[in-house]
Each structure stands twice: as C-alpha cells, then as structure tokens.
Amino acid sequence: MREQAGADGVDGVDGVDERPRRRGQGELEAQVLAVLRQAPGPVNAGWVLDRLGGDLAYTTVMTILTRLQAKRAVTRERVGRFFEWCATSDEAGLAALRMRRVLDAESDREAVLARFVTTLSPDDERLLRDLLGLPEDGTED
C-alpha cells in the first residue's frame, strides 16, 4: 500500500486519516465517571487510567478528575502521596449539573426555562410533569 495525503493534508495509508477520533464535549468526563462507578471503592488516577485504556496521559485523567470534583461529581481523599477518587454522581447527574451550570449563567432564568419547556416533546413534557407532580392540564389544583 502506498501512503498519500488525506483530504485534510495528514498522511495516512490510502488517504485514511490515522489521527484518533476527537471526543465530544463531556464524553471523556462521562467515561471517567463510568469507570469510577465500576470501581470496588475509592481508587487512584492510575487505576482509572488503566481502565480507560487508549493513549491518554496521566495528566489528562487528573485534569478530568479535578474538573469532576469541581462539579461535585466525584470526591477525593489523600492517601499517602496520592488521592483516591470516588464517584458521587452518575451520567444523568453529570448531565443535570451541566444543565444547571448553563441555567446559572443566564440572567433571565424564567425565559430560559420557559423556552426549554416549549421545546420538549410531548413525552418529555409528560415526564417532567410527572416528576414535578403536576396534573396533565398544568394546574397545581
């Protein structure tokens, strides 16, 4: 096989870009959180890195763990020279934290929430009503 430049100018075999796929926003956080939720107890960053596999750097895992801690999705405790990490949230909790952060950044919460609710599918609207304990007609009683 001969090598040639891909469409983006990166050399690869038969024009195939050999760079790893770039993760979507929040995807790595979700993967780290999933690994922590499968842990037998608090674990160090090296344990998380081993379970994630791939070509991640230890510092990348530490950065993600620190970001998750700032979002209160994980906790850490110093054990000797290292920290041990533990999940306090699941993927749904992490998504809810992201939604809350977006809402907190807006000056008109009522308008944002109103627009959000108007974009919900009928099934999602029904689910939200159920979660809030509201009757189908939207009145409280």
N, C-alpha and C. Protein backbone atom coordinates (compact mmCIF):
# COMPACT_ATOMS: atom_id res chain seq x y z
N MET A 1 0.84 -1.19 0.00
CA MET A 1 0.00 0.00 0.00
C MET A 1 0.87 1.23 0.00
N ARG A 2 0.44 2.21 -0.71
CA ARG A 2 1.21 3.44 -0.73
C ARG A 2 0.54 4.47 0.15
N GLU A 3 1.35 5.36 0.69
CA GLU A 3 0.80 6.42 1.53
C GLU A 3 0.54 7.65 0.69
N GLN A 4 -0.53 8.34 1.01
CA GLN A 4 -0.84 9.58 0.33
C GLN A 4 -1.48 10.52 1.32
N ALA A 5 -1.48 11.77 0.97
CA ALA A 5 -2.07 12.77 1.87
C ALA A 5 -3.58 12.63 1.85
N GLY A 6 -4.17 12.68 3.06
CA GLY A 6 -5.62 12.64 3.18
C GLY A 6 -6.23 13.97 2.79
N ALA A 7 -7.53 14.05 2.87
CA ALA A 7 -8.24 15.26 2.48
C ALA A 7 -7.84 16.46 3.32
N ASP A 8 -7.40 16.18 4.55
CA ASP A 8 -7.01 17.29 5.41
C ASP A 8 -5.50 17.51 5.41
N GLY A 9 -4.80 16.82 4.50
CA GLY A 9 -3.37 17.02 4.38
C GLY A 9 -2.55 16.16 5.33
N VAL A 10 -3.18 15.29 6.10
CA VAL A 10 -2.46 14.41 7.01
C VAL A 10 -2.17 13.12 6.28
N ASP A 11 -0.91 12.70 6.31
CA ASP A 11 -0.54 11.48 5.62
C ASP A 11 -1.14 10.28 6.31
N GLY A 12 -1.60 9.34 5.53
CA GLY A 12 -2.14 8.10 6.05
C GLY A 12 -2.08 7.05 4.97
N VAL A 13 -2.50 5.84 5.28
CA VAL A 13 -2.50 4.78 4.30
C VAL A 13 -3.74 4.93 3.43
N ASP A 14 -3.52 5.02 2.15
CA ASP A 14 -4.62 5.19 1.18
C ASP A 14 -5.53 6.36 1.53
N GLY A 15 -4.96 7.42 2.03
CA GLY A 15 -5.73 8.63 2.28
C GLY A 15 -6.54 8.60 3.57
N VAL A 16 -6.39 7.56 4.37
CA VAL A 16 -7.14 7.46 5.61
C VAL A 16 -6.41 8.24 6.70
N ASP A 17 -7.13 9.13 7.36
CA ASP A 17 -6.57 9.92 8.45
C ASP A 17 -6.35 9.00 9.64
N GLU A 18 -5.10 8.89 10.13
CA GLU A 18 -4.77 7.97 11.21
C GLU A 18 -4.84 8.62 12.59
N ARG A 19 -5.25 9.87 12.67
CA ARG A 19 -5.37 10.52 13.96
C ARG A 19 -6.53 9.90 14.73
N PRO A 20 -6.41 9.81 16.07
CA PRO A 20 -7.53 9.29 16.83
C PRO A 20 -8.72 10.24 16.76
N ARG A 21 -9.92 9.67 16.87
CA ARG A 21 -11.14 10.46 16.85
C ARG A 21 -11.16 11.39 18.05
N ARG A 22 -11.55 12.63 17.83
CA ARG A 22 -11.66 13.60 18.91
C ARG A 22 -12.97 13.35 19.66
N ARG A 23 -12.87 13.29 20.97
CA ARG A 23 -14.06 13.03 21.79
C ARG A 23 -14.97 14.24 21.81
N GLY A 24 -16.26 13.98 21.93
CA GLY A 24 -17.23 15.05 22.06
C GLY A 24 -17.13 15.70 23.43
N GLN A 25 -17.70 16.89 23.55
CA GLN A 25 -17.68 17.62 24.80
C GLN A 25 -18.34 16.79 25.90
N GLY A 26 -17.64 16.58 26.98
CA GLY A 26 -18.17 15.84 28.11
C GLY A 26 -18.04 14.33 27.99
N GLU A 27 -17.62 13.83 26.82
CA GLU A 27 -17.52 12.38 26.62
C GLU A 27 -16.47 11.76 27.52
N LEU A 28 -15.30 12.38 27.64
CA LEU A 28 -14.25 11.83 28.48
C LEU A 28 -14.66 11.89 29.96
N GLU A 29 -15.32 12.97 30.35
CA GLU A 29 -15.81 13.05 31.73
C GLU A 29 -16.77 11.90 32.01
N ALA A 30 -17.67 11.62 31.07
CA ALA A 30 -18.63 10.53 31.25
C ALA A 30 -17.91 9.19 31.33
N GLN A 31 -16.86 9.01 30.53
CA GLN A 31 -16.11 7.75 30.57
C GLN A 31 -15.40 7.59 31.90
N VAL A 32 -14.78 8.65 32.39
CA VAL A 32 -14.08 8.59 33.68
C VAL A 32 -15.08 8.31 34.79
N LEU A 33 -16.21 8.97 34.75
CA LEU A 33 -17.24 8.75 35.76
C LEU A 33 -17.75 7.31 35.73
N ALA A 34 -17.94 6.76 34.54
CA ALA A 34 -18.39 5.37 34.41
C ALA A 34 -17.37 4.41 35.00
N VAL A 35 -16.09 4.66 34.75
CA VAL A 35 -15.03 3.82 35.31
C VAL A 35 -15.05 3.90 36.84
N LEU A 36 -15.19 5.10 37.37
CA LEU A 36 -15.23 5.25 38.83
C LEU A 36 -16.44 4.55 39.44
N ARG A 37 -17.56 4.57 38.74
CA ARG A 37 -18.77 3.91 39.27
C ARG A 37 -18.61 2.39 39.29
N GLN A 38 -17.72 1.85 38.46
CA GLN A 38 -17.47 0.41 38.44
C GLN A 38 -16.39 0.00 39.43
N ALA A 39 -15.72 0.96 40.03
CA ALA A 39 -14.61 0.67 40.94
C ALA A 39 -15.12 -0.02 42.20
N PRO A 40 -14.28 -0.87 42.79
CA PRO A 40 -14.68 -1.58 44.00
C PRO A 40 -14.72 -0.67 45.25
N GLY A 41 -14.23 0.52 45.10
CA GLY A 41 -14.17 1.50 46.19
C GLY A 41 -13.37 2.68 45.68
N PRO A 42 -12.90 3.55 46.57
CA PRO A 42 -12.05 4.66 46.12
C PRO A 42 -10.79 4.15 45.43
N VAL A 43 -10.42 4.78 44.31
CA VAL A 43 -9.26 4.35 43.52
C VAL A 43 -8.43 5.56 43.12
N ASN A 44 -7.17 5.30 42.78
CA ASN A 44 -6.29 6.40 42.36
C ASN A 44 -6.40 6.63 40.85
N ALA A 45 -5.82 7.71 40.40
CA ALA A 45 -5.91 8.10 38.98
C ALA A 45 -5.26 7.06 38.07
N GLY A 46 -4.21 6.41 38.54
CA GLY A 46 -3.56 5.37 37.75
C GLY A 46 -4.51 4.21 37.46
N TRP A 47 -5.32 3.85 38.44
CA TRP A 47 -6.32 2.79 38.27
C TRP A 47 -7.32 3.19 37.20
N VAL A 48 -7.77 4.44 37.26
CA VAL A 48 -8.72 4.95 36.27
C VAL A 48 -8.08 4.93 34.88
N LEU A 49 -6.85 5.40 34.78
CA LEU A 49 -6.13 5.43 33.50
C LEU A 49 -6.01 4.02 32.92
N ASP A 50 -5.67 3.04 33.75
CA ASP A 50 -5.55 1.65 33.26
C ASP A 50 -6.86 1.15 32.69
N ARG A 51 -7.98 1.49 33.32
CA ARG A 51 -9.28 1.01 32.88
C ARG A 51 -9.75 1.73 31.61
N LEU A 52 -9.33 2.98 31.44
CA LEU A 52 -9.74 3.73 30.25
C LEU A 52 -9.03 3.25 29.00
N GLY A 53 -7.79 2.80 29.16
CA GLY A 53 -7.03 2.34 28.01
C GLY A 53 -6.73 3.49 27.06
N GLY A 54 -6.39 3.15 25.85
CA GLY A 54 -6.13 4.19 24.85
C GLY A 54 -4.80 4.88 25.08
N ASP A 55 -4.69 6.07 24.56
CA ASP A 55 -3.42 6.80 24.61
C ASP A 55 -3.52 8.04 25.49
N LEU A 56 -4.35 7.99 26.51
CA LEU A 56 -4.49 9.15 27.40
C LEU A 56 -3.26 9.30 28.29
N ALA A 57 -2.95 10.54 28.60
CA ALA A 57 -1.86 10.83 29.54
C ALA A 57 -2.42 10.85 30.95
N TYR A 58 -1.58 10.52 31.92
CA TYR A 58 -1.96 10.57 33.33
C TYR A 58 -2.47 11.97 33.69
N THR A 59 -1.80 12.99 33.16
CA THR A 59 -2.21 14.36 33.48
C THR A 59 -3.60 14.68 32.94
N THR A 60 -3.96 14.08 31.82
CA THR A 60 -5.30 14.27 31.27
C THR A 60 -6.34 13.70 32.22
N VAL A 61 -6.09 12.50 32.72
CA VAL A 61 -7.02 11.87 33.67
C VAL A 61 -7.12 12.72 34.93
N MET A 62 -5.99 13.22 35.42
CA MET A 62 -6.01 14.08 36.62
C MET A 62 -6.82 15.35 36.36
N THR A 63 -6.68 15.93 35.20
CA THR A 63 -7.44 17.14 34.85
C THR A 63 -8.94 16.84 34.85
N ILE A 64 -9.33 15.72 34.25
CA ILE A 64 -10.74 15.36 34.21
C ILE A 64 -11.27 15.09 35.61
N LEU A 65 -10.50 14.37 36.42
CA LEU A 65 -10.93 14.10 37.79
C LEU A 65 -11.09 15.39 38.58
N THR A 66 -10.18 16.33 38.39
CA THR A 66 -10.26 17.61 39.09
C THR A 66 -11.48 18.40 38.64
N ARG A 67 -11.77 18.37 37.34
CA ARG A 67 -12.97 19.04 36.84
C ARG A 67 -14.24 18.41 37.40
N LEU A 68 -14.25 17.08 37.47
CA LEU A 68 -15.41 16.38 38.03
C LEU A 68 -15.57 16.70 39.52
N GLN A 69 -14.46 16.88 40.20
CA GLN A 69 -14.53 17.25 41.61
C GLN A 69 -15.13 18.65 41.76
N ALA A 70 -14.72 19.58 40.90
CA ALA A 70 -15.27 20.93 40.94
C ALA A 70 -16.77 20.93 40.68
N LYS A 71 -17.24 19.96 39.90
CA LYS A 71 -18.68 19.83 39.61
C LYS A 71 -19.39 18.99 40.67
N ARG A 72 -18.65 18.57 41.66
CA ARG A 72 -19.17 17.73 42.75
C ARG A 72 -19.69 16.38 42.27
N ALA A 73 -19.12 15.90 41.18
CA ALA A 73 -19.50 14.58 40.65
C ALA A 73 -18.61 13.48 41.23
N VAL A 74 -17.45 13.87 41.78
CA VAL A 74 -16.55 12.93 42.45
C VAL A 74 -16.00 13.58 43.71
N THR A 75 -15.51 12.73 44.60
CA THR A 75 -14.80 13.22 45.78
C THR A 75 -13.40 12.62 45.76
N ARG A 76 -12.52 13.24 46.53
CA ARG A 76 -11.18 12.68 46.63
C ARG A 76 -10.72 12.75 48.08
N GLU A 77 -9.82 11.83 48.42
CA GLU A 77 -9.23 11.80 49.74
C GLU A 77 -7.76 11.45 49.59
N ARG A 78 -6.91 12.20 50.30
CA ARG A 78 -5.47 11.92 50.22
C ARG A 78 -5.16 10.64 50.97
N VAL A 79 -4.45 9.76 50.27
CA VAL A 79 -3.97 8.51 50.87
C VAL A 79 -2.49 8.43 50.54
N GLY A 80 -1.65 8.74 51.51
CA GLY A 80 -0.21 8.80 51.26
C GLY A 80 0.10 9.97 50.34
N ARG A 81 0.81 9.69 49.25
CA ARG A 81 1.18 10.74 48.30
C ARG A 81 0.14 10.96 47.22
N PHE A 82 -0.88 10.14 47.18
CA PHE A 82 -1.86 10.19 46.10
C PHE A 82 -3.25 10.52 46.63
N PHE A 83 -4.13 10.81 45.69
CA PHE A 83 -5.54 10.95 46.01
C PHE A 83 -6.26 9.69 45.56
N GLU A 84 -7.27 9.32 46.32
CA GLU A 84 -8.18 8.28 45.87
C GLU A 84 -9.51 8.95 45.57
N TRP A 85 -10.10 8.54 44.46
CA TRP A 85 -11.29 9.18 43.92
C TRP A 85 -12.49 8.26 44.01
N CYS A 86 -13.65 8.85 44.19
CA CYS A 86 -14.89 8.08 44.29
C CYS A 86 -16.01 8.87 43.60
N ALA A 87 -16.82 8.18 42.81
CA ALA A 87 -17.94 8.83 42.12
C ALA A 87 -19.05 9.15 43.12
N THR A 88 -19.62 10.35 42.99
CA THR A 88 -20.77 10.72 43.80
C THR A 88 -21.99 10.96 42.93
N SER A 89 -21.81 10.83 41.62
CA SER A 89 -22.88 11.09 40.67
C SER A 89 -22.78 10.07 39.54
N ASP A 90 -23.87 9.92 38.79
CA ASP A 90 -23.85 9.08 37.61
C ASP A 90 -23.90 9.98 36.38
N GLU A 91 -24.00 9.38 35.18
CA GLU A 91 -24.01 10.18 33.95
C GLU A 91 -25.20 11.13 33.90
N ALA A 92 -26.35 10.68 34.38
CA ALA A 92 -27.53 11.56 34.40
C ALA A 92 -27.29 12.73 35.34
N GLY A 93 -26.66 12.47 36.46
CA GLY A 93 -26.34 13.54 37.40
C GLY A 93 -25.37 14.54 36.81
N LEU A 94 -24.39 14.04 36.06
CA LEU A 94 -23.42 14.91 35.41
C LEU A 94 -24.10 15.78 34.36
N ALA A 95 -25.01 15.21 33.59
CA ALA A 95 -25.75 15.99 32.59
C ALA A 95 -26.60 17.05 33.29
N ALA A 96 -27.22 16.68 34.40
CA ALA A 96 -28.03 17.65 35.16
C ALA A 96 -27.16 18.78 35.70
N LEU A 97 -25.94 18.46 36.13
CA LEU A 97 -25.03 19.51 36.60
C LEU A 97 -24.67 20.46 35.47
N ARG A 98 -24.45 19.92 34.27
CA ARG A 98 -24.13 20.77 33.12
C ARG A 98 -25.31 21.67 32.78
N MET A 99 -26.53 21.11 32.82
CA MET A 99 -27.72 21.91 32.53
C MET A 99 -27.87 23.02 33.58
N ARG A 100 -27.63 22.69 34.82
CA ARG A 100 -27.75 23.68 35.89
C ARG A 100 -26.73 24.80 35.71
N ARG A 101 -25.50 24.44 35.30
CA ARG A 101 -24.45 25.44 35.09
C ARG A 101 -24.85 26.40 33.97
N VAL A 102 -25.45 25.88 32.91
CA VAL A 102 -25.90 26.73 31.81
C VAL A 102 -27.00 27.67 32.32
N LEU A 103 -27.94 27.13 33.06
CA LEU A 103 -29.03 27.94 33.60
C LEU A 103 -28.50 29.02 34.55
N ASP A 104 -27.56 28.66 35.39
CA ASP A 104 -26.99 29.63 36.35
C ASP A 104 -26.25 30.78 35.65
N ALA A 105 -25.78 30.54 34.44
CA ALA A 105 -25.02 31.56 33.72
C ALA A 105 -25.93 32.58 33.03
N GLU A 106 -27.21 32.32 32.98
CA GLU A 106 -28.14 33.21 32.28
C GLU A 106 -28.80 34.18 33.26
N SER A 107 -29.05 35.39 32.80
CA SER A 107 -29.64 36.41 33.69
C SER A 107 -31.15 36.26 33.81
N ASP A 108 -31.82 35.74 32.78
CA ASP A 108 -33.27 35.60 32.82
C ASP A 108 -33.64 34.11 32.89
N ARG A 109 -33.59 33.57 34.09
CA ARG A 109 -33.85 32.14 34.30
C ARG A 109 -35.24 31.75 33.81
N GLU A 110 -36.22 32.61 34.08
CA GLU A 110 -37.60 32.30 33.70
C GLU A 110 -37.72 32.13 32.19
N ALA A 111 -37.11 33.03 31.44
CA ALA A 111 -37.18 32.95 29.98
C ALA A 111 -36.47 31.69 29.46
N VAL A 112 -35.33 31.38 30.04
CA VAL A 112 -34.60 30.19 29.61
C VAL A 112 -35.41 28.93 29.90
N LEU A 113 -35.95 28.83 31.10
CA LEU A 113 -36.75 27.66 31.45
C LEU A 113 -38.02 27.57 30.60
N ALA A 114 -38.65 28.71 30.35
CA ALA A 114 -39.86 28.72 29.52
C ALA A 114 -39.54 28.23 28.11
N ARG A 115 -38.45 28.72 27.53
CA ARG A 115 -38.06 28.29 26.18
C ARG A 115 -37.71 26.81 26.16
N PHE A 116 -37.02 26.37 27.21
CA PHE A 116 -36.65 24.96 27.29
C PHE A 116 -37.90 24.08 27.31
N VAL A 117 -38.85 24.43 28.13
CA VAL A 117 -40.07 23.63 28.27
C VAL A 117 -40.85 23.61 26.96
N THR A 118 -40.88 24.72 26.23
CA THR A 118 -41.64 24.75 24.97
C THR A 118 -40.98 23.91 23.88
N THR A 119 -39.72 23.54 24.05
CA THR A 119 -39.05 22.71 23.04
C THR A 119 -39.13 21.22 23.36
N LEU A 120 -39.72 20.86 24.50
CA LEU A 120 -39.81 19.46 24.88
C LEU A 120 -40.83 18.72 24.01
N SER A 121 -40.55 17.46 23.76
CA SER A 121 -41.52 16.61 23.06
C SER A 121 -42.69 16.37 24.02
N PRO A 122 -43.83 15.97 23.50
CA PRO A 122 -44.97 15.67 24.39
C PRO A 122 -44.63 14.62 25.45
N ASP A 123 -43.86 13.62 25.07
CA ASP A 123 -43.47 12.59 26.05
C ASP A 123 -42.58 13.17 27.14
N ASP A 124 -41.60 14.00 26.75
CA ASP A 124 -40.72 14.62 27.74
C ASP A 124 -41.49 15.59 28.63
N GLU A 125 -42.46 16.31 28.03
CA GLU A 125 -43.28 17.23 28.82
C GLU A 125 -44.09 16.46 29.86
N ARG A 126 -44.64 15.33 29.44
CA ARG A 126 -45.41 14.49 30.35
C ARG A 126 -44.52 13.96 31.47
N LEU A 127 -43.32 13.53 31.12
CA LEU A 127 -42.37 13.04 32.11
C LEU A 127 -42.00 14.13 33.11
N LEU A 128 -41.75 15.34 32.62
CA LEU A 128 -41.43 16.45 33.51
C LEU A 128 -42.59 16.76 34.44
N ARG A 129 -43.80 16.75 33.92
CA ARG A 129 -44.99 16.96 34.77
C ARG A 129 -45.07 15.90 35.86
N ASP A 130 -44.83 14.65 35.47
CA ASP A 130 -44.85 13.56 36.45
C ASP A 130 -43.79 13.77 37.53
N LEU A 131 -42.59 14.15 37.11
CA LEU A 131 -41.51 14.38 38.07
C LEU A 131 -41.81 15.54 39.02
N LEU A 132 -42.51 16.55 38.50
CA LEU A 132 -42.87 17.71 39.32
C LEU A 132 -44.18 17.49 40.08
N GLY A 133 -44.86 16.39 39.80
CA GLY A 133 -46.12 16.11 40.46
C GLY A 133 -47.26 17.00 40.01
N LEU A 134 -47.22 17.44 38.74
CA LEU A 134 -48.26 18.31 38.19
C LEU A 134 -49.27 17.50 37.41
N PRO A 135 -50.54 17.91 37.44
CA PRO A 135 -51.54 17.23 36.60
C PRO A 135 -51.34 17.57 35.13
N GLU A 136 -51.95 16.81 34.24
CA GLU A 136 -51.82 16.99 32.79
C GLU A 136 -52.18 18.38 32.30
N ASP A 137 -53.17 19.04 32.94
CA ASP A 137 -53.59 20.35 32.44
C ASP A 137 -52.68 21.49 32.87
N GLY A 138 -51.64 21.18 33.68
CA GLY A 138 -50.67 22.19 34.06
C GLY A 138 -51.03 22.98 35.30
N THR A 139 -52.24 22.77 35.84
CA THR A 139 -52.63 23.48 37.07
C THR A 139 -52.13 22.70 38.27
N GLU A 140 -51.97 23.42 39.38
CA GLU A 140 -51.48 22.75 40.58
C GLU A 140 -52.62 22.18 41.40
N ASP A 141 -53.82 22.58 41.22
CA ASP A 141 -55.04 22.07 41.87
C ASP A 141 -56.17 23.01 41.70
